[in-house]
Amino acid sequence: GVRNIMDPEQNVRGGLAYLRWLLRRFEGDVLMTAAAYNAGEGAVERYGGVPPYDETQEYVRRIMAFYRASQHEQPALRALASAPPQES
């Protein structure tokens, strides 16, 4: 886990671990994962999809545009979703 959120390495590792966990929880669904990363998994579950929050709607739109543009170059999200957790 992250012991010091001000430590950039710990912060990035913690964020990536959370992203990996969300990808698994939402079975690789990048749209739902992006929404949950921004608004929280509870909000995504309550609304049954992307919550109607302006910030989350815009965040998901930007992430999905980037994901679609880079998907053919970097299939890393699928690999990340299926990779076993790494101990630090």
N, C-alpha and C. Protein backbone atom coordinates (compact mmCIF):
# COMPACT_ATOMS: atom_id res chain seq x y z
N GLY A 1 0.81 -1.18 0.00
CA GLY A 1 0.00 0.00 0.00
C GLY A 1 0.85 1.25 0.00
N VAL A 2 0.20 2.36 -0.11
CA VAL A 2 0.85 3.66 -0.11
C VAL A 2 0.96 4.16 1.32
N ARG A 3 2.18 4.37 1.77
CA ARG A 3 2.40 4.87 3.12
C ARG A 3 2.56 6.39 3.12
N ASN A 4 3.07 6.92 2.02
CA ASN A 4 3.32 8.36 1.93
C ASN A 4 2.82 8.85 0.57
N ILE A 5 1.64 9.46 0.54
CA ILE A 5 1.07 9.91 -0.73
C ILE A 5 1.89 11.02 -1.38
N MET A 6 2.77 11.65 -0.62
CA MET A 6 3.62 12.70 -1.18
C MET A 6 4.85 12.14 -1.89
N ASP A 7 5.10 10.85 -1.75
CA ASP A 7 6.20 10.18 -2.44
C ASP A 7 5.70 9.83 -3.84
N PRO A 8 6.25 10.46 -4.90
CA PRO A 8 5.74 10.23 -6.25
C PRO A 8 5.71 8.76 -6.65
N GLU A 9 6.75 8.01 -6.32
CA GLU A 9 6.78 6.60 -6.71
C GLU A 9 5.66 5.82 -6.03
N GLN A 10 5.48 6.01 -4.73
CA GLN A 10 4.41 5.32 -4.02
C GLN A 10 3.05 5.74 -4.56
N ASN A 11 2.90 7.02 -4.84
CA ASN A 11 1.64 7.54 -5.33
C ASN A 11 1.27 6.91 -6.68
N VAL A 12 2.23 6.85 -7.59
CA VAL A 12 1.99 6.26 -8.91
C VAL A 12 1.69 4.77 -8.77
N ARG A 13 2.49 4.07 -7.97
CA ARG A 13 2.25 2.63 -7.77
C ARG A 13 0.87 2.38 -7.17
N GLY A 14 0.47 3.20 -6.21
CA GLY A 14 -0.84 3.05 -5.60
C GLY A 14 -1.96 3.31 -6.60
N GLY A 15 -1.79 4.35 -7.42
CA GLY A 15 -2.79 4.65 -8.45
C GLY A 15 -2.91 3.54 -9.47
N LEU A 16 -1.78 2.98 -9.87
CA LEU A 16 -1.81 1.87 -10.83
C LEU A 16 -2.42 0.61 -10.23
N ALA A 17 -2.14 0.35 -8.97
CA ALA A 17 -2.74 -0.81 -8.30
C ALA A 17 -4.25 -0.65 -8.24
N TYR A 18 -4.72 0.56 -7.93
CA TYR A 18 -6.15 0.83 -7.88
C TYR A 18 -6.77 0.69 -9.27
N LEU A 19 -6.10 1.20 -10.29
CA LEU A 19 -6.59 1.07 -11.66
C LEU A 19 -6.69 -0.40 -12.07
N ARG A 20 -5.68 -1.19 -11.74
CA ARG A 20 -5.69 -2.62 -12.04
C ARG A 20 -6.88 -3.29 -11.34
N TRP A 21 -7.09 -2.94 -10.07
CA TRP A 21 -8.20 -3.51 -9.31
C TRP A 21 -9.54 -3.15 -9.95
N LEU A 22 -9.69 -1.87 -10.36
CA LEU A 22 -10.93 -1.45 -11.01
C LEU A 22 -11.15 -2.18 -12.33
N LEU A 23 -10.08 -2.34 -13.12
CA LEU A 23 -10.21 -3.06 -14.40
C LEU A 23 -10.71 -4.48 -14.17
N ARG A 24 -10.23 -5.12 -13.13
CA ARG A 24 -10.70 -6.47 -12.82
C ARG A 24 -12.14 -6.44 -12.34
N ARG A 25 -12.44 -5.52 -11.46
CA ARG A 25 -13.80 -5.43 -10.90
C ARG A 25 -14.83 -5.20 -12.00
N PHE A 26 -14.48 -4.39 -12.98
CA PHE A 26 -15.40 -4.09 -14.08
C PHE A 26 -15.08 -4.92 -15.33
N GLU A 27 -14.41 -6.05 -15.11
CA GLU A 27 -14.16 -7.06 -16.14
C GLU A 27 -13.56 -6.48 -17.42
N GLY A 28 -12.59 -5.58 -17.26
CA GLY A 28 -11.88 -5.02 -18.40
C GLY A 28 -12.62 -3.91 -19.12
N ASP A 29 -13.78 -3.50 -18.63
CA ASP A 29 -14.56 -2.43 -19.26
C ASP A 29 -13.88 -1.09 -18.97
N VAL A 30 -13.23 -0.54 -19.98
CA VAL A 30 -12.44 0.67 -19.81
C VAL A 30 -13.33 1.86 -19.47
N LEU A 31 -14.50 1.96 -20.08
CA LEU A 31 -15.41 3.07 -19.80
C LEU A 31 -15.83 3.07 -18.34
N MET A 32 -16.27 1.93 -17.83
CA MET A 32 -16.70 1.83 -16.44
C MET A 32 -15.52 2.04 -15.49
N THR A 33 -14.36 1.54 -15.87
CA THR A 33 -13.16 1.71 -15.05
C THR A 33 -12.79 3.19 -14.95
N ALA A 34 -12.83 3.90 -16.06
CA ALA A 34 -12.51 5.33 -16.05
C ALA A 34 -13.50 6.09 -15.17
N ALA A 35 -14.78 5.77 -15.31
CA ALA A 35 -15.81 6.43 -14.49
C ALA A 35 -15.58 6.15 -13.01
N ALA A 36 -15.27 4.90 -12.68
CA ALA A 36 -15.05 4.53 -11.29
C ALA A 36 -13.78 5.16 -10.74
N TYR A 37 -12.76 5.28 -11.56
CA TYR A 37 -11.51 5.91 -11.12
C TYR A 37 -11.77 7.36 -10.74
N ASN A 38 -12.64 8.02 -11.49
CA ASN A 38 -12.93 9.43 -11.24
C ASN A 38 -13.98 9.64 -10.15
N ALA A 39 -15.08 8.91 -10.22
CA ALA A 39 -16.22 9.16 -9.32
C ALA A 39 -16.30 8.17 -8.16
N GLY A 40 -15.56 7.07 -8.26
CA GLY A 40 -15.64 6.02 -7.24
C GLY A 40 -16.52 4.88 -7.73
N GLU A 41 -16.12 3.66 -7.38
CA GLU A 41 -16.87 2.49 -7.86
C GLU A 41 -18.29 2.46 -7.32
N GLY A 42 -18.51 3.00 -6.13
CA GLY A 42 -19.86 3.03 -5.56
C GLY A 42 -20.81 3.87 -6.40
N ALA A 43 -20.34 5.01 -6.89
CA ALA A 43 -21.18 5.88 -7.73
C ALA A 43 -21.52 5.18 -9.04
N VAL A 44 -20.56 4.50 -9.64
CA VAL A 44 -20.81 3.78 -10.89
C VAL A 44 -21.84 2.68 -10.66
N GLU A 45 -21.73 1.98 -9.55
CA GLU A 45 -22.70 0.92 -9.25
C GLU A 45 -24.08 1.50 -8.96
N ARG A 46 -24.15 2.60 -8.21
CA ARG A 46 -25.45 3.22 -7.91
C ARG A 46 -26.18 3.65 -9.17
N TYR A 47 -25.45 4.22 -10.13
CA TYR A 47 -26.06 4.71 -11.36
C TYR A 47 -26.13 3.65 -12.45
N GLY A 48 -25.50 2.52 -12.24
CA GLY A 48 -25.50 1.47 -13.26
C GLY A 48 -24.72 1.86 -14.50
N GLY A 49 -23.76 2.73 -14.35
CA GLY A 49 -22.96 3.20 -15.47
C GLY A 49 -22.25 4.48 -15.07
N VAL A 50 -21.93 5.29 -16.06
CA VAL A 50 -21.22 6.54 -15.81
C VAL A 50 -22.16 7.50 -15.07
N PRO A 51 -21.77 7.97 -13.89
CA PRO A 51 -22.62 8.90 -13.15
C PRO A 51 -22.83 10.21 -13.93
N PRO A 52 -23.93 10.89 -13.67
CA PRO A 52 -24.25 12.11 -14.42
C PRO A 52 -23.50 13.36 -13.94
N TYR A 53 -22.40 13.17 -13.26
CA TYR A 53 -21.61 14.31 -12.79
C TYR A 53 -20.86 14.93 -13.97
N ASP A 54 -20.92 16.24 -14.10
CA ASP A 54 -20.24 16.92 -15.22
C ASP A 54 -18.76 16.56 -15.29
N GLU A 55 -18.08 16.61 -14.14
CA GLU A 55 -16.65 16.31 -14.12
C GLU A 55 -16.37 14.90 -14.61
N THR A 56 -17.17 13.94 -14.15
CA THR A 56 -16.96 12.54 -14.53
C THR A 56 -17.28 12.33 -16.00
N GLN A 57 -18.36 12.94 -16.48
CA GLN A 57 -18.72 12.82 -17.90
C GLN A 57 -17.58 13.32 -18.79
N GLU A 58 -17.02 14.47 -18.45
CA GLU A 58 -15.92 15.03 -19.24
C GLU A 58 -14.66 14.18 -19.12
N TYR A 59 -14.35 13.71 -17.92
CA TYR A 59 -13.19 12.86 -17.70
C TYR A 59 -13.29 11.59 -18.55
N VAL A 60 -14.43 10.94 -18.51
CA VAL A 60 -14.63 9.70 -19.26
C VAL A 60 -14.54 9.98 -20.76
N ARG A 61 -15.11 11.08 -21.22
CA ARG A 61 -15.04 11.43 -22.64
C ARG A 61 -13.58 11.57 -23.08
N ARG A 62 -12.79 12.29 -22.29
CA ARG A 62 -11.37 12.49 -22.63
C ARG A 62 -10.59 11.18 -22.59
N ILE A 63 -10.80 10.39 -21.55
CA ILE A 63 -10.08 9.12 -21.42
C ILE A 63 -10.42 8.19 -22.57
N MET A 64 -11.70 8.10 -22.92
CA MET A 64 -12.10 7.18 -23.99
C MET A 64 -11.57 7.65 -25.34
N ALA A 65 -11.51 8.95 -25.58
CA ALA A 65 -10.94 9.46 -26.83
C ALA A 65 -9.46 9.09 -26.90
N PHE A 66 -8.74 9.28 -25.82
CA PHE A 66 -7.33 8.92 -25.78
C PHE A 66 -7.16 7.41 -25.95
N TYR A 67 -7.98 6.64 -25.26
CA TYR A 67 -7.89 5.18 -25.32
C TYR A 67 -8.12 4.69 -26.75
N ARG A 68 -9.16 5.18 -27.39
CA ARG A 68 -9.45 4.75 -28.77
C ARG A 68 -8.30 5.12 -29.71
N ALA A 69 -7.74 6.32 -29.53
CA ALA A 69 -6.65 6.77 -30.40
C ALA A 69 -5.38 5.95 -30.21
N SER A 70 -5.15 5.48 -29.00
CA SER A 70 -3.90 4.77 -28.72
C SER A 70 -4.06 3.26 -28.63
N GLN A 71 -5.28 2.77 -28.74
CA GLN A 71 -5.54 1.34 -28.53
C GLN A 71 -4.74 0.45 -29.47
N HIS A 72 -4.64 0.82 -30.73
CA HIS A 72 -3.91 -0.02 -31.68
C HIS A 72 -2.41 0.00 -31.43
N GLU A 73 -1.92 1.07 -30.79
CA GLU A 73 -0.49 1.18 -30.52
C GLU A 73 -0.09 0.54 -29.20
N GLN A 74 -0.97 0.62 -28.22
CA GLN A 74 -0.61 0.16 -26.88
C GLN A 74 -1.74 -0.65 -26.26
N PRO A 75 -1.75 -1.95 -26.45
CA PRO A 75 -2.79 -2.77 -25.82
C PRO A 75 -2.49 -3.01 -24.34
N ALA A 76 -1.87 -2.03 -23.70
CA ALA A 76 -1.40 -2.19 -22.32
C ALA A 76 -2.53 -2.33 -21.31
N LEU A 77 -3.67 -1.71 -21.55
CA LEU A 77 -4.74 -1.82 -20.56
C LEU A 77 -5.23 -3.26 -20.42
N ARG A 78 -5.35 -3.97 -21.53
CA ARG A 78 -5.76 -5.38 -21.43
C ARG A 78 -4.70 -6.19 -20.69
N ALA A 79 -3.44 -5.92 -21.00
CA ALA A 79 -2.36 -6.63 -20.32
C ALA A 79 -2.35 -6.29 -18.83
N LEU A 80 -2.58 -5.03 -18.51
CA LEU A 80 -2.62 -4.60 -17.12
C LEU A 80 -3.76 -5.28 -16.38
N ALA A 81 -4.91 -5.39 -17.02
CA ALA A 81 -6.08 -6.01 -16.38
C ALA A 81 -5.84 -7.48 -16.09
N SER A 82 -5.04 -8.15 -16.90
CA SER A 82 -4.84 -9.58 -16.71
C SER A 82 -3.55 -9.92 -15.96
N ALA A 83 -2.73 -8.92 -15.70
CA ALA A 83 -1.46 -9.17 -15.00
C ALA A 83 -1.71 -9.44 -13.52
N PRO A 84 -0.96 -10.38 -12.95
CA PRO A 84 -1.10 -10.61 -11.51
C PRO A 84 -0.54 -9.43 -10.73
N PRO A 85 -1.09 -9.16 -9.55
CA PRO A 85 -0.57 -8.06 -8.75
C PRO A 85 0.90 -8.30 -8.39
N GLN A 86 1.67 -7.23 -8.36
CA GLN A 86 3.08 -7.35 -8.00
C GLN A 86 3.27 -6.88 -6.57
N GLU A 87 4.06 -7.62 -5.85
CA GLU A 87 4.41 -7.22 -4.48
C GLU A 87 5.53 -6.21 -4.55
N SER A 88 5.49 -5.20 -3.69
CA SER A 88 6.57 -4.20 -3.69
C SER A 88 7.45 -4.37 -2.48
